[in-house]
Each structure stands twice: as structure tokens, then as C-alpha cells.
N, C-alpha and C. Protein backbone atom coordinates (compact mmCIF):
# COMPACT_ATOMS: atom_id res chain seq x y z
N MET A 1 -8.19 -11.04 -16.16
CA MET A 1 -9.03 -12.07 -16.04
C MET A 1 -8.01 -13.50 -16.10
N ALA A 2 -8.34 -14.45 -15.00
CA ALA A 2 -7.24 -15.09 -15.27
C ALA A 2 -7.71 -16.41 -16.26
N VAL A 3 -6.68 -17.04 -16.53
CA VAL A 3 -6.09 -18.18 -17.62
C VAL A 3 -6.37 -19.10 -17.01
N GLU A 4 -7.29 -20.10 -17.25
CA GLU A 4 -6.30 -21.39 -17.01
C GLU A 4 -5.22 -21.66 -17.64
N GLY A 5 -4.47 -22.70 -16.71
CA GLY A 5 -3.22 -23.65 -17.06
C GLY A 5 -2.03 -22.85 -17.11
N GLN A 6 -2.07 -21.32 -16.22
CA GLN A 6 -0.85 -20.56 -16.05
C GLN A 6 -1.00 -19.94 -14.67
N VAL A 7 0.31 -20.02 -14.18
CA VAL A 7 0.69 -19.24 -12.27
C VAL A 7 0.54 -17.75 -13.08
N ILE A 8 -0.48 -17.28 -12.51
CA ILE A 8 -1.34 -15.75 -12.43
C ILE A 8 -0.12 -14.90 -11.22
N GLY A 9 0.29 -14.03 -12.02
CA GLY A 9 1.11 -13.28 -10.91
C GLY A 9 -0.08 -11.69 -10.18
N VAL A 10 -0.17 -11.89 -8.77
CA VAL A 10 -0.72 -11.00 -8.37
C VAL A 10 0.13 -9.63 -7.47
N HIS A 11 0.04 -8.49 -8.25
CA HIS A 11 0.71 -7.30 -7.76
C HIS A 11 0.35 -6.42 -6.86
N THR A 12 -1.56 -6.65 -6.86
CA THR A 12 -2.20 -5.86 -5.85
C THR A 12 -2.91 -7.00 -5.00
N VAL A 13 -2.77 -5.57 -3.65
CA VAL A 13 -4.25 -6.52 -2.96
C VAL A 13 -5.18 -6.80 -3.16
N GLU A 14 -5.71 -5.65 -4.33
CA GLU A 14 -7.24 -5.68 -4.99
C GLU A 14 -7.42 -6.57 -5.25
N SER A 15 -6.34 -6.67 -6.37
CA SER A 15 -6.09 -8.41 -7.38
C SER A 15 -5.91 -9.61 -6.17
N TRP A 16 -5.22 -9.54 -5.25
CA TRP A 16 -5.34 -10.64 -4.66
C TRP A 16 -6.67 -11.25 -4.16
N LYS A 17 -7.43 -9.97 -3.39
CA LYS A 17 -8.62 -10.21 -3.23
C LYS A 17 -9.65 -10.50 -3.73
N GLU A 18 -9.37 -10.48 -5.20
CA GLU A 18 -10.74 -10.67 -6.17
C GLU A 18 -9.93 -12.09 -6.43
N HIS A 19 -8.74 -12.70 -6.81
CA HIS A 19 -8.55 -13.79 -7.13
C HIS A 19 -9.03 -15.24 -5.55
N LEU A 20 -8.84 -14.56 -4.52
CA LEU A 20 -9.68 -15.21 -3.68
C LEU A 20 -10.84 -15.78 -3.52
N GLN A 21 -12.08 -14.39 -4.01
CA GLN A 21 -13.00 -14.65 -4.23
C GLN A 21 -13.52 -15.43 -5.65
N ARG A 22 -12.55 -15.60 -6.32
CA ARG A 22 -13.13 -16.23 -7.56
C ARG A 22 -13.12 -17.29 -6.88
N GLY A 23 -11.80 -17.80 -6.51
CA GLY A 23 -11.64 -19.08 -5.78
C GLY A 23 -12.90 -19.42 -5.20
N ASN A 24 -13.16 -18.81 -4.14
CA ASN A 24 -14.52 -19.21 -3.26
C ASN A 24 -15.82 -19.66 -4.21
N ASP A 25 -16.03 -18.58 -5.00
CA ASP A 25 -16.99 -18.90 -5.88
C ASP A 25 -17.19 -19.61 -6.54
N THR A 26 -16.24 -20.51 -7.05
CA THR A 26 -16.17 -21.39 -7.97
C THR A 26 -15.52 -23.22 -7.26
N LYS A 27 -15.69 -22.69 -6.04
CA LYS A 27 -15.06 -23.63 -5.23
C LYS A 27 -13.34 -24.52 -5.21
N LYS A 28 -13.09 -24.24 -6.27
CA LYS A 28 -12.14 -24.33 -6.84
C LYS A 28 -10.23 -23.77 -5.50
N LEU A 29 -9.47 -25.42 -5.84
CA LEU A 29 -8.27 -25.36 -5.32
C LEU A 29 -7.87 -24.06 -5.58
N ILE A 30 -6.87 -23.19 -4.72
CA ILE A 30 -5.94 -22.29 -5.04
C ILE A 30 -5.17 -22.81 -4.51
N VAL A 31 -3.63 -22.40 -5.43
CA VAL A 31 -2.28 -22.60 -5.04
C VAL A 31 -1.47 -21.55 -5.36
N VAL A 32 -0.89 -21.03 -3.98
CA VAL A 32 0.21 -20.02 -4.18
C VAL A 32 1.23 -19.94 -3.69
N ASP A 33 1.93 -19.28 -4.76
CA ASP A 33 3.50 -19.77 -4.62
C ASP A 33 3.80 -18.09 -4.06
N PHE A 34 4.89 -18.17 -2.78
CA PHE A 34 4.61 -17.12 -2.17
C PHE A 34 6.60 -17.25 -2.59
N THR A 35 6.78 -15.71 -3.73
CA THR A 35 8.48 -15.75 -3.85
C THR A 35 8.72 -14.48 -3.81
N ALA A 36 10.10 -14.52 -4.57
CA ALA A 36 10.44 -13.32 -3.82
C ALA A 36 11.98 -13.26 -4.99
N SER A 37 12.20 -12.23 -5.96
CA SER A 37 12.85 -11.75 -6.96
C SER A 37 14.45 -12.28 -6.49
N TRP A 38 14.81 -11.78 -5.57
CA TRP A 38 16.19 -12.64 -4.91
C TRP A 38 16.82 -13.90 -4.37
N CYS A 39 15.56 -14.93 -4.61
CA CYS A 39 15.24 -16.27 -4.04
C CYS A 39 15.72 -17.10 -5.03
N GLY A 40 16.67 -18.07 -4.75
CA GLY A 40 17.11 -18.93 -6.14
C GLY A 40 16.39 -20.11 -6.12
N PRO A 41 16.03 -20.92 -5.23
CA PRO A 41 15.10 -22.09 -5.19
C PRO A 41 13.81 -21.49 -5.43
N CYS A 42 13.28 -19.98 -5.39
CA CYS A 42 12.02 -19.69 -6.01
C CYS A 42 11.93 -19.93 -7.88
N ARG A 43 13.17 -19.54 -8.29
CA ARG A 43 13.64 -19.32 -9.36
C ARG A 43 13.72 -20.55 -10.01
N PHE A 44 14.23 -21.71 -9.77
CA PHE A 44 14.44 -23.07 -9.79
C PHE A 44 12.75 -23.49 -9.88
N ILE A 45 12.46 -23.59 -8.93
CA ILE A 45 10.67 -24.11 -8.96
C ILE A 45 10.04 -23.45 -10.04
N ALA A 46 10.07 -22.46 -10.53
CA ALA A 46 9.03 -21.49 -10.95
C ALA A 46 8.49 -22.06 -12.41
N PRO A 47 9.81 -22.64 -13.68
CA PRO A 47 9.46 -23.13 -14.32
C PRO A 47 8.32 -24.84 -14.33
N LEU A 48 8.85 -25.61 -13.05
CA LEU A 48 8.50 -26.64 -12.55
C LEU A 48 6.69 -26.46 -11.95
N LEU A 49 6.44 -25.59 -11.50
CA LEU A 49 5.09 -24.92 -11.34
C LEU A 49 4.74 -24.77 -12.26
N ALA A 50 5.01 -24.09 -13.08
CA ALA A 50 4.29 -23.62 -14.63
C ALA A 50 3.90 -24.91 -15.69
N GLU A 51 4.61 -25.65 -14.98
CA GLU A 51 4.26 -27.28 -16.11
C GLU A 51 3.19 -27.65 -15.55
N ILE A 52 3.25 -27.59 -13.54
CA ILE A 52 2.28 -28.18 -13.68
C ILE A 52 1.15 -27.58 -13.11
N ALA A 53 1.25 -26.48 -13.63
CA ALA A 53 0.02 -25.75 -13.76
C ALA A 53 -0.83 -25.83 -15.20
N LYS A 54 -0.11 -25.83 -16.26
CA LYS A 54 -0.30 -25.97 -17.79
C LYS A 54 -0.96 -27.18 -17.59
N ASN A 55 -0.46 -28.72 -16.58
CA ASN A 55 -1.26 -29.51 -16.87
C ASN A 55 -2.49 -29.75 -15.23
N THR A 56 -2.61 -28.82 -14.61
CA THR A 56 -3.61 -29.02 -14.17
C THR A 56 -4.92 -27.77 -13.88
N PRO A 57 -5.38 -27.63 -15.28
CA PRO A 57 -5.96 -26.40 -15.08
C PRO A 57 -7.37 -26.17 -14.36
N GLU A 58 -7.93 -27.47 -13.62
CA GLU A 58 -8.51 -27.45 -12.56
C GLU A 58 -8.16 -26.42 -11.22
N VAL A 59 -7.26 -26.34 -11.52
CA VAL A 59 -6.51 -25.57 -9.77
C VAL A 59 -6.00 -23.92 -10.39
N ILE A 60 -6.46 -22.95 -9.73
CA ILE A 60 -5.87 -22.10 -9.84
C ILE A 60 -4.13 -21.86 -9.33
N PHE A 61 -3.66 -21.24 -9.73
CA PHE A 61 -2.30 -21.12 -9.48
C PHE A 61 -1.75 -19.44 -9.65
N LEU A 62 -1.27 -18.99 -7.72
CA LEU A 62 -1.15 -17.71 -8.12
C LEU A 62 0.42 -17.79 -7.57
N LYS A 63 0.74 -16.46 -8.13
CA LYS A 63 2.48 -16.52 -7.61
C LYS A 63 2.13 -14.90 -7.08
N VAL A 64 2.82 -14.50 -5.90
CA VAL A 64 3.12 -13.29 -4.52
C VAL A 64 4.26 -12.81 -4.27
N ASP A 65 4.73 -12.27 -4.98
CA ASP A 65 6.31 -11.81 -4.37
C ASP A 65 6.09 -11.06 -3.07
N VAL A 66 6.47 -11.51 -2.14
CA VAL A 66 6.60 -11.18 -0.45
C VAL A 66 7.19 -9.46 -0.40
N ASP A 67 7.79 -9.25 -1.27
CA ASP A 67 8.40 -7.79 -0.97
C ASP A 67 7.42 -6.65 -2.04
N GLU A 68 6.56 -6.96 -3.01
CA GLU A 68 5.63 -6.28 -3.50
C GLU A 68 4.67 -6.24 -2.44
N LEU A 69 4.03 -7.66 -2.15
CA LEU A 69 2.91 -7.62 -1.44
C LEU A 69 2.87 -8.04 -0.01
N LYS A 70 3.80 -7.10 1.09
CA LYS A 70 4.15 -7.66 2.30
C LYS A 70 3.21 -7.79 3.23
N THR A 71 1.86 -6.99 2.68
CA THR A 71 0.96 -7.30 3.74
C THR A 71 0.25 -8.44 3.74
N VAL A 72 -0.06 -8.94 2.56
CA VAL A 72 -0.06 -10.36 2.17
C VAL A 72 0.23 -11.38 2.83
N ALA A 73 1.68 -11.12 2.59
CA ALA A 73 2.78 -12.49 3.13
C ALA A 73 2.71 -12.26 4.24
N GLU A 74 2.29 -11.12 5.01
CA GLU A 74 2.32 -11.22 6.80
C GLU A 74 1.40 -11.46 6.85
N GLU A 75 0.23 -10.98 6.55
CA GLU A 75 -1.35 -12.01 6.62
C GLU A 75 -1.16 -13.15 7.06
N TRP A 76 -0.64 -14.13 6.13
CA TRP A 76 -0.56 -15.54 5.51
C TRP A 76 1.16 -16.07 6.56
N SER A 77 1.56 -15.06 7.39
CA SER A 77 2.79 -15.79 7.99
C SER A 77 3.59 -16.57 7.43
N ILE A 78 4.15 -15.93 6.11
CA ILE A 78 5.30 -16.59 5.63
C ILE A 78 6.54 -16.01 5.73
N GLU A 79 7.36 -17.05 6.18
CA GLU A 79 8.41 -16.93 6.80
C GLU A 79 9.55 -17.11 6.17
N ALA A 80 9.57 -18.24 4.77
CA ALA A 80 10.31 -19.02 3.86
C ALA A 80 10.18 -18.51 2.58
N MET A 81 10.65 -18.56 1.55
CA MET A 81 10.62 -18.58 0.24
C MET A 81 11.16 -19.75 -0.51
N PRO A 82 10.24 -20.45 -1.03
CA PRO A 82 9.45 -20.56 -1.31
C PRO A 82 8.36 -20.83 -0.73
N THR A 83 7.07 -20.43 -0.38
CA THR A 83 5.90 -20.90 0.26
C THR A 83 4.91 -21.65 -0.35
N PHE A 84 4.02 -22.53 -0.44
CA PHE A 84 3.38 -22.95 -1.62
C PHE A 84 2.01 -22.84 0.01
N LEU A 85 0.99 -21.80 -0.68
CA LEU A 85 -0.27 -22.34 0.38
C LEU A 85 -1.29 -22.95 -0.20
N PHE A 86 -2.06 -24.06 0.21
CA PHE A 86 -3.37 -24.48 -0.78
C PHE A 86 -4.47 -23.94 0.27
N LEU A 87 -5.21 -23.22 -0.94
CA LEU A 87 -6.44 -22.94 -0.26
C LEU A 87 -7.72 -23.28 -0.75
N LYS A 88 -8.86 -23.20 -0.18
CA LYS A 88 -10.16 -23.96 -0.53
C LYS A 88 -11.16 -23.08 0.22
N GLU A 89 -11.51 -22.41 -0.43
CA GLU A 89 -13.30 -21.84 -0.06
C GLU A 89 -12.39 -20.72 1.25
N GLY A 90 -11.20 -20.26 0.55
CA GLY A 90 -10.29 -19.29 1.81
C GLY A 90 -9.93 -19.88 3.00
N ASN A 91 -9.66 -21.04 3.12
CA ASN A 91 -9.30 -21.73 4.33
C ASN A 91 -7.86 -22.02 3.85
N LEU A 92 -7.29 -22.18 4.59
CA LEU A 92 -6.07 -22.91 4.32
C LEU A 92 -5.77 -24.48 4.66
N VAL A 93 -5.44 -25.30 3.25
CA VAL A 93 -6.13 -26.71 3.67
C VAL A 93 -4.54 -27.84 3.56
N ASP A 94 -3.17 -26.51 3.42
CA ASP A 94 -2.01 -27.46 3.17
C ASP A 94 -1.20 -26.40 2.94
N LYS A 95 0.11 -26.63 3.27
CA LYS A 95 1.79 -25.79 3.16
C LYS A 95 2.48 -26.50 2.77
N VAL A 96 3.42 -26.40 1.83
CA VAL A 96 4.52 -26.84 1.32
C VAL A 96 5.73 -25.90 1.32
N VAL A 97 6.56 -25.89 2.07
CA VAL A 97 7.88 -25.00 2.39
C VAL A 97 8.91 -25.49 1.58
N GLY A 98 9.61 -24.88 0.97
CA GLY A 98 10.37 -24.72 -0.14
C GLY A 98 10.39 -25.47 -1.11
N ALA A 99 11.54 -25.33 -1.69
CA ALA A 99 11.20 -25.74 -3.41
C ALA A 99 11.52 -27.32 -3.66
N GLN A 100 10.32 -28.03 -3.26
CA GLN A 100 10.44 -29.55 -2.95
C GLN A 100 9.27 -29.94 -4.58
N LYS A 101 9.48 -30.14 -5.52
CA LYS A 101 8.86 -30.72 -6.78
C LYS A 101 8.00 -31.74 -6.17
N GLU A 102 8.28 -33.16 -5.83
CA GLU A 102 7.48 -34.05 -5.56
C GLU A 102 6.70 -33.96 -4.41
N GLU A 103 7.27 -32.91 -3.44
CA GLU A 103 6.06 -32.80 -2.42
C GLU A 103 5.02 -31.94 -2.56
N LEU A 104 5.09 -31.24 -3.65
CA LEU A 104 4.53 -30.25 -4.43
C LEU A 104 3.24 -31.12 -5.00
N GLU A 105 3.71 -31.99 -5.74
CA GLU A 105 2.78 -32.71 -6.72
C GLU A 105 2.22 -33.22 -6.04
N LEU A 106 2.61 -34.21 -4.97
CA LEU A 106 2.33 -35.17 -4.04
C LEU A 106 0.39 -34.30 -3.49
N THR A 107 1.15 -33.26 -2.75
CA THR A 107 0.36 -32.53 -2.15
C THR A 107 -1.05 -31.76 -2.87
N LEU A 108 -0.48 -31.52 -4.04
CA LEU A 108 -1.59 -31.11 -5.28
C LEU A 108 -2.63 -32.53 -5.42
N ALA A 109 -2.03 -33.63 -6.03
CA ALA A 109 -2.44 -34.37 -6.21
C ALA A 109 -3.65 -35.28 -4.95
N LYS A 110 -3.08 -35.22 -3.57
CA LYS A 110 -4.16 -35.71 -2.59
C LYS A 110 -5.07 -34.36 -2.29
N HIS A 111 -5.32 -33.23 -2.67
CA HIS A 111 -6.16 -32.22 -2.80
C HIS A 111 -6.91 -32.62 -3.98
N LEU A 112 -6.41 -32.97 -4.80
CA LEU A 112 -7.36 -33.13 -6.62
C LEU A 112 -7.99 -34.26 -5.69
N SER A 113 -7.52 -35.26 -5.51
CA SER A 113 -8.23 -36.59 -5.38
C SER A 113 -9.60 -36.15 -4.44
N VAL A 114 -9.07 -35.47 -3.29
CA VAL A 114 -10.33 -34.97 -2.23
C VAL A 114 -11.29 -34.58 -3.10
N ALA A 115 -11.43 -33.67 -3.75
CA ALA A 115 -12.11 -32.98 -4.77
C ALA A 115 -12.91 -33.52 -5.60
N ALA A 116 -12.52 -34.78 -6.26
CA ALA A 116 -12.76 -35.93 -7.23
C ALA A 116 -14.03 -36.49 -6.12
N ALA A 117 -13.62 -36.41 -5.29
CA ALA A 117 -14.36 -37.90 -4.31
C ALA A 117 -16.05 -37.54 -4.00
């Protein structure tokens, strides 16, 4: 079960589909961190993302290892790590490529202000 205020690791395609469905049902914004265990910038941004997740419980944060869930990474055309996808009701609404904390925060703020409007 999803716990608010943290980044949820997704390890199976079934789990991925469940989380997407939950996002659709609740109309919550989903932020997906496509990462890899061997990726230095991914390790750098992980604690920052965890901090953002803690402060933004109204958003579902997911973490997908591209080597573990290759089909999901291919489905969303992930070419670089980390890539952050912003999904709303199953649709891609934004994307941040690279370990860019400020851009990540700004993009998140933009979508939260839209949601609140």
C-alpha cells in the first residue's frame, strides 16, 4: 500500500499498473523517478527526492529501476537517468531529465498550483 510522504519503489509491472490506477482514481499527480543502481546522479538526487516527497504528501512519488522494469522504461521512452515523469490521470504532463533539484521543484510547484486552481 502506498504510504504518503515517501518515494515508493516499484518492482513489478503489476505494481506499476496498480500505482498508475491509484493515481487515476484519486486524480493525484504522480511523479516517477526512472533511476538505475549504477547511476551516480540518481544516487545524488534520491535523498533530495525523498525530502520533497516528505513535504508533498498530496503527490504520489514512484521510483522505477530501468534495469529491473525494462518494459516500463521502454514504454515511456526513457533514455537517460534520472528522468522524472509527471503523470496526471495516466497522461504525461511534464518531464525533467537529469538530477536537477531546482527544475524538479519548479515543475512540481507548477503542477501543484494548477491542481489547486
